[in-house]
Amino acid sequence: MPHKVKTLKPSNFETIDSAVFNWIDKILDIYSTTNQGWKKVHVMWLTAERAAQRERRRTNGADALIFPMISVERTSVGKTAVASRPIPGNVFPVRDYRKGSYRIHKRINQEKTKNFRNADSIDIYGQNNFPWKDSFGKKIPNQKVVYQTITAPMPVYYDLSYTINIRTDYQQQMNEIMQPFMVLAGGINQFILEKDGYSYEAFIEDNYPSDNNVSNLSEEEKKYETTVTLKVLGFILGSGKNQETPKMVIRENAVELKFQRERVVLGDINEYGIDDNKDKEPLRPRHKEPFPFDN
């Protein structure tokens, strides 16, 4: 049966950003009490393009934002310290034009392995698909197996920090929104983000800075704001669209080595017509069993 082809998107900063946004919008899926009943809290990405941000934000007729609302922003990116990386060393790429340094999969090429087996079967037994067995009836393992090795670029690890800003009009709304963040990982602050087949380790800071203007007696609009800081251990693969080499490289191993023989130098062809084979042993006839069991 042919191998099933699976596509794998490369991991980049957009993948990690999408994992964070989907975690807040789809996994937590936070609701709160509003004047219109129990409603889902709108989540907005602050660093989106201005045109897209205008289409996605919730506003009233006066072009003012409607709260409660959660906004997400990536604030910093730094390379992970060597001692904290899953792969602390550096795996250099293969020294050819295709590169690729990290092996992610290995499989047998059934078609080419079968061709080598049949060729040896015809050469030794004179027929195709002959059952290879020794004199004791034990099956002889195939020594010419073609493997396909799939390699990818070396993952480069980064520490990414995200700021989650929560703003509401009422204290009750803030309490309802903050509770899922506070009980997410139980007694620890670690959890896993997933996107496009990748998993990223994330941590929530223990402190939640809050700000409000309740004590201000002016006619300014009342607001409640809380900031949640998120740290994600992510990684990127390759250079994206700027990468000239393949994103995934497939290589096959060599199972048989052949080279041309110089017949004149080795004496296979007699240039002078002298019969020098009189004292030599006659050539052995072709054996009918495989070489490993030829005594």
Protein backbone atom coordinates (compact mmCIF):
# COMPACT_ATOMS: atom_id res chain seq x y z
CA MET A 1 0.00 0.00 0.00
CA PRO A 2 1.34 3.49 -0.77
CA HIS A 3 2.28 5.76 2.10
CA LYS A 4 -0.30 8.30 3.16
CA VAL A 5 0.89 11.81 2.45
CA LYS A 6 0.60 14.16 5.41
CA THR A 7 1.18 17.88 5.17
CA LEU A 8 2.79 19.75 8.03
CA LYS A 9 2.85 23.52 8.18
CA PRO A 10 6.10 25.07 9.41
CA SER A 11 6.14 26.54 12.90
CA ASN A 12 6.66 30.31 12.93
CA PHE A 13 5.66 33.33 14.97
CA GLU A 14 2.22 33.48 13.35
CA THR A 15 1.61 29.87 14.41
CA ILE A 16 2.44 30.71 18.03
CA ASP A 17 0.33 33.89 17.93
CA SER A 18 -2.62 31.92 16.55
CA ALA A 19 -2.19 29.30 19.28
CA VAL A 20 -2.40 32.00 21.98
CA PHE A 21 -5.39 33.73 20.38
CA ASN A 22 -7.32 30.47 19.82
CA TRP A 23 -6.61 29.41 23.39
CA ILE A 24 -8.28 32.56 24.72
CA ASP A 25 -11.09 32.74 22.16
CA LYS A 26 -11.91 29.03 21.65
CA ILE A 27 -10.52 27.04 24.59
CA LEU A 28 -11.31 29.38 27.48
CA ASP A 29 -14.38 30.70 25.63
CA ILE A 30 -15.17 33.27 28.31
CA TYR A 31 -18.66 34.69 28.88
CA SER A 32 -19.86 37.43 31.21
CA THR A 33 -23.05 39.14 32.35
CA THR A 34 -24.06 42.17 30.28
CA ASN A 35 -27.10 44.41 29.92
CA GLN A 36 -28.26 42.02 27.18
CA GLY A 37 -27.77 38.85 29.20
CA TRP A 38 -25.05 36.20 29.28
CA LYS A 39 -22.77 37.10 26.34
CA LYS A 40 -19.42 35.93 25.02
CA VAL A 41 -16.55 38.34 25.67
CA HIS A 42 -15.04 39.72 22.47
CA VAL A 43 -11.33 38.96 21.93
CA MET A 44 -9.21 41.27 19.78
CA TRP A 45 -5.60 41.05 18.58
CA LEU A 46 -3.97 44.45 19.02
CA THR A 47 -1.15 44.05 16.49
CA ALA A 48 -3.41 43.26 13.56
CA GLU A 49 -3.36 45.47 10.48
CA ARG A 50 -5.37 48.64 10.90
CA ALA A 51 -7.97 47.74 8.27
CA ALA A 52 -8.57 44.29 9.73
CA GLN A 53 -8.65 45.65 13.26
CA ARG A 54 -11.39 48.13 12.32
CA GLU A 55 -13.53 45.32 10.90
CA ARG A 56 -13.12 43.05 13.92
CA ARG A 57 -13.61 45.45 16.82
CA ARG A 58 -17.02 45.81 18.37
CA THR A 59 -18.32 49.36 18.44
CA ASN A 60 -21.60 51.11 18.95
CA GLY A 61 -23.07 53.68 16.65
CA ALA A 62 -20.83 56.41 18.10
CA ASP A 63 -17.70 54.45 17.10
CA ALA A 64 -16.91 53.70 20.76
CA LEU A 65 -15.69 50.31 21.91
CA ILE A 66 -18.17 48.04 23.64
CA PHE A 67 -16.98 46.43 26.87
CA PRO A 68 -16.24 43.90 28.28
CA MET A 69 -13.37 43.14 25.90
CA ILE A 70 -10.12 41.16 25.91
CA SER A 71 -7.14 42.34 23.88
CA VAL A 72 -3.98 40.32 23.19
CA GLU A 73 -0.56 41.68 22.29
CA ARG A 74 2.87 40.12 21.79
CA THR A 75 5.23 42.37 23.74
CA SER A 76 8.69 40.76 23.50
CA VAL A 77 10.68 38.00 21.81
CA GLY A 78 14.03 36.63 23.00
CA LYS A 79 16.08 33.56 22.17
CA THR A 80 15.82 30.83 24.80
CA ALA A 81 18.87 30.30 27.00
CA VAL A 82 21.01 27.31 26.04
CA ALA A 83 20.38 25.49 29.33
CA SER A 84 16.59 25.83 28.90
CA ARG A 85 16.29 24.50 25.34
CA PRO A 86 14.96 20.99 24.66
CA ILE A 87 17.89 20.60 22.24
CA PRO A 88 20.77 22.47 23.92
CA GLY A 89 23.30 21.74 21.18
CA ASN A 90 23.28 22.66 17.51
CA VAL A 91 22.61 20.04 14.84
CA PHE A 92 24.40 21.20 11.69
CA PRO A 93 22.62 20.63 8.35
CA VAL A 94 23.72 18.08 5.78
CA ARG A 95 26.41 19.52 3.55
CA ASP A 96 24.54 19.60 0.28
CA TYR A 97 22.18 21.99 -1.49
CA ARG A 98 19.05 20.57 0.17
CA LYS A 99 20.24 20.95 3.79
CA GLY A 100 17.98 19.57 6.50
CA SER A 101 19.44 18.66 9.90
CA TYR A 102 16.75 17.19 12.20
CA ARG A 103 15.31 13.74 11.43
CA ILE A 104 11.56 13.62 12.00
CA HIS A 105 10.58 10.34 10.29
CA LYS A 106 12.02 7.16 8.79
CA ARG A 107 10.14 4.65 6.63
CA ILE A 108 10.80 1.78 4.21
CA ASN A 109 10.45 2.33 0.46
CA GLN A 110 8.44 -0.80 -0.29
CA GLU A 111 8.66 -0.54 -4.07
CA LYS A 112 12.45 -0.22 -4.34
CA THR A 113 13.08 -2.81 -1.63
CA LYS A 114 10.90 -5.28 -3.53
CA ASN A 115 12.79 -4.59 -6.76
CA PHE A 116 16.15 -5.42 -5.15
CA ARG A 117 14.69 -8.59 -3.61
CA ASN A 118 13.24 -9.77 -6.92
CA ALA A 119 16.48 -9.03 -8.78
CA ASP A 120 18.47 -11.19 -6.36
CA SER A 121 15.79 -13.89 -6.52
CA ILE A 122 16.05 -14.07 -10.30
CA ASP A 123 19.85 -14.02 -10.15
CA ILE A 124 20.08 -16.91 -7.64
CA TYR A 125 16.94 -19.01 -8.13
CA GLY A 126 16.03 -18.08 -11.67
CA GLN A 127 12.52 -16.92 -10.85
CA ASN A 128 10.74 -13.90 -9.39
CA ASN A 129 9.26 -13.76 -5.87
CA PHE A 130 11.02 -16.96 -4.79
CA PRO A 131 10.67 -17.70 -1.04
CA TRP A 132 14.13 -17.16 0.43
CA LYS A 133 14.74 -19.98 2.93
CA ASP A 134 17.80 -21.85 4.11
CA SER A 135 18.24 -25.62 4.27
CA PHE A 136 16.42 -25.65 7.63
CA GLY A 137 13.38 -23.88 6.22
CA LYS A 138 14.11 -20.62 8.06
CA LYS A 139 13.30 -17.43 6.19
CA ILE A 140 16.36 -15.43 5.13
CA PRO A 141 16.08 -11.73 6.07
CA ASN A 142 16.44 -9.19 3.32
CA GLN A 143 19.77 -7.35 3.51
CA LYS A 144 18.91 -4.75 0.87
CA VAL A 145 16.29 -2.52 2.46
CA VAL A 146 15.79 0.98 1.08
CA TYR A 147 14.91 3.49 3.81
CA GLN A 148 13.52 6.97 3.30
CA THR A 149 14.65 9.50 5.91
CA ILE A 150 12.74 12.78 6.23
CA THR A 151 14.65 15.69 7.74
CA ALA A 152 13.63 19.24 8.63
CA PRO A 153 15.55 22.39 9.58
CA MET A 154 16.89 22.69 13.10
CA PRO A 155 14.21 24.23 15.40
CA VAL A 156 15.27 27.54 16.94
CA TYR A 157 13.70 28.17 20.36
CA TYR A 158 12.39 31.54 21.57
CA ASP A 159 10.73 32.92 24.69
CA LEU A 160 7.70 35.01 23.76
CA SER A 161 5.80 37.27 26.15
CA TYR A 162 2.14 38.17 25.65
CA THR A 163 0.04 40.75 27.46
CA ILE A 164 -3.66 40.02 27.85
CA ASN A 165 -5.60 43.20 28.70
CA ILE A 166 -9.09 42.84 30.14
CA ARG A 167 -11.38 45.84 30.40
CA THR A 168 -14.91 45.89 31.74
CA ASP A 169 -17.51 48.40 32.87
CA TYR A 170 -18.43 46.58 36.10
CA GLN A 171 -16.60 44.75 38.85
CA GLN A 172 -18.86 41.73 38.45
CA GLN A 173 -17.79 41.33 34.84
CA MET A 174 -14.12 41.48 35.80
CA ASN A 175 -14.61 38.78 38.44
CA GLU A 176 -16.36 36.49 35.97
CA ILE A 177 -13.69 36.94 33.28
CA MET A 178 -10.68 36.57 35.58
CA GLN A 179 -11.83 33.36 37.25
CA PRO A 180 -11.08 31.04 34.26
CA PHE A 181 -7.52 32.38 34.10
CA MET A 182 -6.97 31.84 37.81
CA VAL A 183 -8.18 28.23 37.96
CA LEU A 184 -6.86 27.10 34.57
CA ALA A 185 -3.82 25.02 35.66
CA GLY A 186 -4.86 24.35 39.25
CA GLY A 187 -1.98 24.67 41.69
CA ILE A 188 0.59 25.33 38.97
CA ASN A 189 0.87 27.96 36.26
CA GLN A 190 1.87 25.75 33.32
CA PHE A 191 -0.27 24.47 30.41
CA ILE A 192 0.06 23.48 26.74
CA LEU A 193 -0.93 25.45 23.62
CA GLU A 194 -1.58 23.59 20.36
CA LYS A 195 -1.77 24.71 16.74
CA ASP A 196 -1.22 22.96 13.35
CA GLY A 197 0.11 19.82 15.01
CA TYR A 198 2.61 21.69 17.24
CA SER A 199 2.59 22.00 21.02
CA TYR A 200 3.99 24.96 22.95
CA GLU A 201 4.54 25.22 26.68
CA ALA A 202 3.01 28.30 28.28
CA PHE A 203 3.13 29.88 31.73
CA ILE A 204 0.83 32.46 33.39
CA GLU A 205 2.41 34.97 35.74
CA ASP A 206 1.19 34.78 39.33
CA ASN A 207 0.42 38.49 39.64
CA TYR A 208 -2.53 40.24 37.96
CA PRO A 209 -2.08 44.04 38.07
CA SER A 210 -5.41 45.87 38.24
CA ASP A 211 -6.41 49.46 37.64
CA ASN A 212 -9.69 51.35 37.92
CA ASN A 213 -10.99 54.90 38.30
CA VAL A 214 -13.71 54.17 40.84
CA SER A 215 -12.26 56.63 43.32
CA ASN A 216 -12.47 59.42 40.74
CA LEU A 217 -15.66 61.33 41.36
CA SER A 218 -15.66 63.10 38.03
CA GLU A 219 -18.06 62.31 35.21
CA GLU A 220 -15.44 60.21 33.40
CA GLU A 221 -16.56 56.78 32.23
CA LYS A 222 -15.90 54.15 34.88
CA LYS A 223 -13.56 51.33 33.91
CA TYR A 224 -11.93 48.23 35.36
CA GLU A 225 -8.69 46.96 33.81
CA THR A 226 -6.59 43.88 34.59
CA THR A 227 -3.43 42.65 32.87
CA VAL A 228 -2.50 38.97 32.51
CA THR A 229 1.07 38.21 31.41
CA LEU A 230 1.70 35.03 29.46
CA LYS A 231 5.09 33.49 28.64
CA VAL A 232 5.31 30.94 25.80
CA LEU A 233 8.26 28.68 24.97
CA GLY A 234 8.01 28.49 21.19
CA PHE A 235 10.18 27.56 18.25
CA ILE A 236 10.43 28.34 14.55
CA LEU A 237 11.41 26.07 11.66
CA GLY A 238 13.18 27.44 8.59
CA SER A 239 13.09 30.86 7.02
CA GLY A 240 9.50 30.78 5.77
CA LYS A 241 8.90 32.13 2.27
CA ASN A 242 12.50 33.38 2.11
CA GLN A 243 13.88 29.86 2.42
CA GLU A 244 15.43 28.62 -0.83
CA THR A 245 16.01 25.01 0.28
CA PRO A 246 13.12 22.49 0.70
CA LYS A 247 11.19 22.66 3.95
CA MET A 248 11.24 18.87 4.23
CA VAL A 249 14.02 16.76 2.66
CA ILE A 250 13.63 13.07 1.74
CA ARG A 251 16.80 11.00 1.36
CA GLU A 252 17.33 7.31 0.58
CA ASN A 253 20.20 5.11 1.72
CA ALA A 254 22.51 3.11 -0.54
CA VAL A 255 22.01 -0.67 -0.36
CA GLU A 256 24.46 -1.82 -3.01
CA LEU A 257 27.81 -0.48 -4.18
CA LYS A 258 28.92 -1.08 -7.76
CA PHE A 259 31.91 0.17 -9.71
CA GLN A 260 33.37 -0.58 -13.12
CA ARG A 261 36.11 -3.18 -13.38
CA GLU A 262 39.19 -2.65 -15.55
CA ARG A 263 39.33 -6.05 -17.24
CA VAL A 264 42.67 -5.54 -18.95
CA VAL A 265 44.49 -4.52 -15.77
CA LEU A 266 43.01 -7.39 -13.76
CA GLY A 267 43.83 -9.96 -16.45
CA ASP A 268 40.30 -10.82 -17.53
CA ILE A 269 41.27 -10.12 -21.15
CA ASN A 270 44.48 -11.76 -22.44
CA GLU A 271 46.16 -9.30 -24.77
CA TYR A 272 48.98 -11.63 -25.88
CA GLY A 273 47.14 -14.89 -26.58
CA ILE A 274 49.03 -16.83 -23.89
CA ASP A 275 47.05 -19.51 -22.11
CA ASP A 276 47.90 -18.76 -18.48
CA ASN A 277 44.92 -20.63 -17.01
CA LYS A 278 46.41 -24.12 -17.22
CA ASP A 279 47.59 -24.23 -13.61
CA LYS A 280 44.63 -22.33 -12.17
CA GLU A 281 41.64 -23.92 -10.47
CA PRO A 282 38.50 -24.13 -12.57
CA LEU A 283 35.88 -21.56 -11.83
CA ARG A 284 33.23 -22.62 -9.33
CA PRO A 285 29.82 -23.30 -10.81
CA ARG A 286 27.00 -21.01 -9.84
CA HIS A 287 25.59 -22.03 -6.47
CA LYS A 288 21.87 -22.52 -6.02
CA GLU A 289 21.59 -21.24 -2.45
CA PRO A 290 22.09 -17.79 -1.06
CA PHE A 291 25.63 -16.80 -0.24
CA PRO A 292 25.31 -16.63 3.60
CA PHE A 293 24.54 -20.39 3.73
CA ASP A 294 27.09 -21.46 1.16
CA ASN A 295 29.61 -23.71 2.94
